[in-house]
């Protein structure tokens, strides 16, 4: 059986990764505006960076959300996480164009962070009820 600390660690790791992604998504457009000489380099690495972050987010979030759902099934929490990951995928894959990438990715990251936060709080309630 997994310990409560394991659940907390993986949810916190997922929240940190989501936060890193959010900072990246918001900082890159600002960097484009402030540093035109770097824009070609940033543009060349942008899509690759998003795929790498998304590739990290899926397994970490997937495991954390699955464990949280097994511990305390909550349809809203799992839905927020899955919809968030889907929005991130739509943004990274440019399925609706590059102009929506930041909006889709940012919305997705916020939903994933919210899901993991709900998982953490559900773990606290679960632990308190066992005491």
Protein backbone atom coordinates (compact mmCIF):
# COMPACT_ATOMS: atom_id res chain seq x y z
CA UNK A 1 0.00 0.00 0.00
CA UNK A 2 1.29 3.47 -0.86
CA UNK A 3 1.87 5.90 1.98
CA UNK A 4 0.21 9.27 2.26
CA UNK A 5 3.66 10.86 1.92
CA UNK A 6 4.09 9.20 -1.50
CA UNK A 7 0.79 10.71 -2.65
CA UNK A 8 1.80 14.14 -1.38
CA UNK A 9 5.21 13.96 -3.04
CA UNK A 10 3.91 13.04 -6.46
CA UNK A 11 1.11 15.62 -6.37
CA UNK A 12 3.57 18.29 -5.25
CA UNK A 13 5.98 17.28 -8.03
CA UNK A 14 3.15 17.57 -10.53
CA UNK A 15 2.17 20.99 -9.18
CA UNK A 16 5.79 22.20 -9.42
CA UNK A 17 6.07 20.88 -12.98
CA UNK A 18 2.79 22.56 -13.89
CA UNK A 19 4.02 25.79 -12.32
CA UNK A 20 7.26 25.56 -14.28
CA UNK A 21 5.24 25.09 -17.45
CA UNK A 22 3.04 28.06 -16.58
CA UNK A 23 6.05 30.31 -15.93
CA UNK A 24 7.58 29.16 -19.21
CA UNK A 25 4.35 29.80 -21.13
CA UNK A 26 4.04 33.30 -19.74
CA UNK A 27 7.74 34.22 -19.81
CA UNK A 28 8.49 33.28 -23.41
CA UNK A 29 6.11 35.82 -25.02
CA UNK A 30 7.56 38.48 -22.73
CA UNK A 31 11.08 37.45 -23.75
CA UNK A 32 10.09 37.76 -27.43
CA UNK A 33 8.99 41.32 -26.81
CA UNK A 34 11.99 42.32 -24.71
CA UNK A 35 14.76 40.60 -26.64
CA UNK A 36 14.28 40.65 -30.41
CA UNK A 37 17.79 39.33 -30.98
CA UNK A 38 16.92 36.15 -29.05
CA UNK A 39 13.57 35.61 -30.72
CA UNK A 40 14.89 33.36 -33.52
CA UNK A 41 16.61 31.08 -31.01
CA UNK A 42 13.58 31.04 -28.68
CA UNK A 43 11.24 30.32 -31.58
CA UNK A 44 13.41 27.40 -32.73
CA UNK A 45 13.38 25.71 -29.29
CA UNK A 46 9.83 26.61 -28.22
CA UNK A 47 7.92 23.64 -29.66
CA UNK A 48 10.56 21.16 -28.55
CA UNK A 49 10.47 22.55 -25.01
CA UNK A 50 6.68 22.28 -24.86
CA UNK A 51 6.78 18.66 -26.01
CA UNK A 52 9.40 17.84 -23.38
CA UNK A 53 7.37 19.49 -20.60
CA UNK A 54 4.19 17.78 -21.83
CA UNK A 55 6.07 14.46 -21.97
CA UNK A 56 7.02 14.91 -18.31
CA UNK A 57 3.56 16.11 -17.25
CA UNK A 58 1.60 13.16 -18.64
CA UNK A 59 3.22 10.33 -16.67
CA UNK A 60 3.67 12.33 -13.45
CA UNK A 61 0.14 13.71 -13.51
CA UNK A 62 -1.29 10.41 -14.71
CA UNK A 63 0.20 8.47 -11.81
CA UNK A 64 -0.73 11.13 -9.24
CA UNK A 65 -4.30 11.46 -10.48
CA UNK A 66 -4.74 7.68 -10.67
CA UNK A 67 -3.43 7.20 -7.13
CA UNK A 68 -5.61 10.02 -5.84
CA UNK A 69 -8.67 8.55 -7.55
CA UNK A 70 -7.95 5.11 -6.06
CA UNK A 71 -7.53 6.65 -2.60
CA UNK A 72 -10.64 8.83 -2.81
CA UNK A 73 -12.67 8.62 -6.04
CA UNK A 74 -13.68 12.09 -7.17
CA UNK A 75 -14.99 12.58 -10.70
CA UNK A 76 -14.42 16.35 -10.68
CA UNK A 77 -10.75 16.04 -9.71
CA UNK A 78 -9.95 13.40 -12.32
CA UNK A 79 -11.94 15.32 -14.96
CA UNK A 80 -10.08 18.56 -14.26
CA UNK A 81 -6.77 16.76 -14.64
CA UNK A 82 -7.72 14.95 -17.83
CA UNK A 83 -9.26 18.02 -19.46
CA UNK A 84 -6.17 20.01 -18.46
CA UNK A 85 -3.85 17.47 -20.06
CA UNK A 86 -6.03 17.42 -23.18
CA UNK A 87 -5.88 21.22 -23.45
CA UNK A 88 -2.11 21.06 -23.05
CA UNK A 89 -1.92 18.48 -25.84
CA UNK A 90 -4.11 20.60 -28.12
CA UNK A 91 -1.87 23.60 -27.47
CA UNK A 92 1.43 21.77 -27.98
CA UNK A 93 0.22 19.99 -31.12
CA UNK A 94 -1.03 23.29 -32.65
CA UNK A 95 -4.29 21.60 -33.65
CA UNK A 96 -6.07 24.95 -33.53
CA UNK A 97 -3.10 26.96 -34.76
CA UNK A 98 -0.04 28.39 -33.08
CA UNK A 99 -1.92 31.52 -32.05
CA UNK A 100 -3.95 29.51 -29.48
CA UNK A 101 -1.00 27.55 -28.11
CA UNK A 102 -0.36 29.82 -25.12
CA UNK A 103 -4.03 30.16 -24.18
CA UNK A 104 -4.72 26.41 -24.44
CA UNK A 105 -1.54 25.43 -22.63
CA UNK A 106 -2.03 27.97 -19.86
CA UNK A 107 -5.65 26.92 -19.29
CA UNK A 108 -4.60 23.27 -19.30
CA UNK A 109 -1.78 23.81 -16.83
CA UNK A 110 -4.08 25.69 -14.45
CA UNK A 111 -6.64 22.86 -14.56
CA UNK A 112 -3.94 20.25 -13.92
CA UNK A 113 -2.61 22.27 -10.98
CA UNK A 114 -6.13 22.57 -9.59
CA UNK A 115 -6.65 18.81 -9.90
CA UNK A 116 -3.41 18.08 -8.04
CA UNK A 117 -4.28 20.62 -5.37
CA UNK A 118 -7.64 18.87 -4.90
CA UNK A 119 -5.76 15.55 -4.68
CA UNK A 120 -3.53 16.96 -1.94
CA UNK A 121 -6.47 18.29 0.05
CA UNK A 122 -8.38 15.03 -0.38
CA UNK A 123 -5.33 13.24 1.02
CA UNK A 124 -5.42 15.46 4.10
CA UNK A 125 -9.12 14.72 4.64
CA UNK A 126 -8.49 11.00 4.15
CA UNK A 127 -5.59 11.03 6.63
CA UNK A 128 -7.59 13.02 9.21
CA UNK A 129 -10.52 10.59 9.01
CA UNK A 130 -8.18 7.65 9.73
CA UNK A 131 -6.70 9.31 12.84
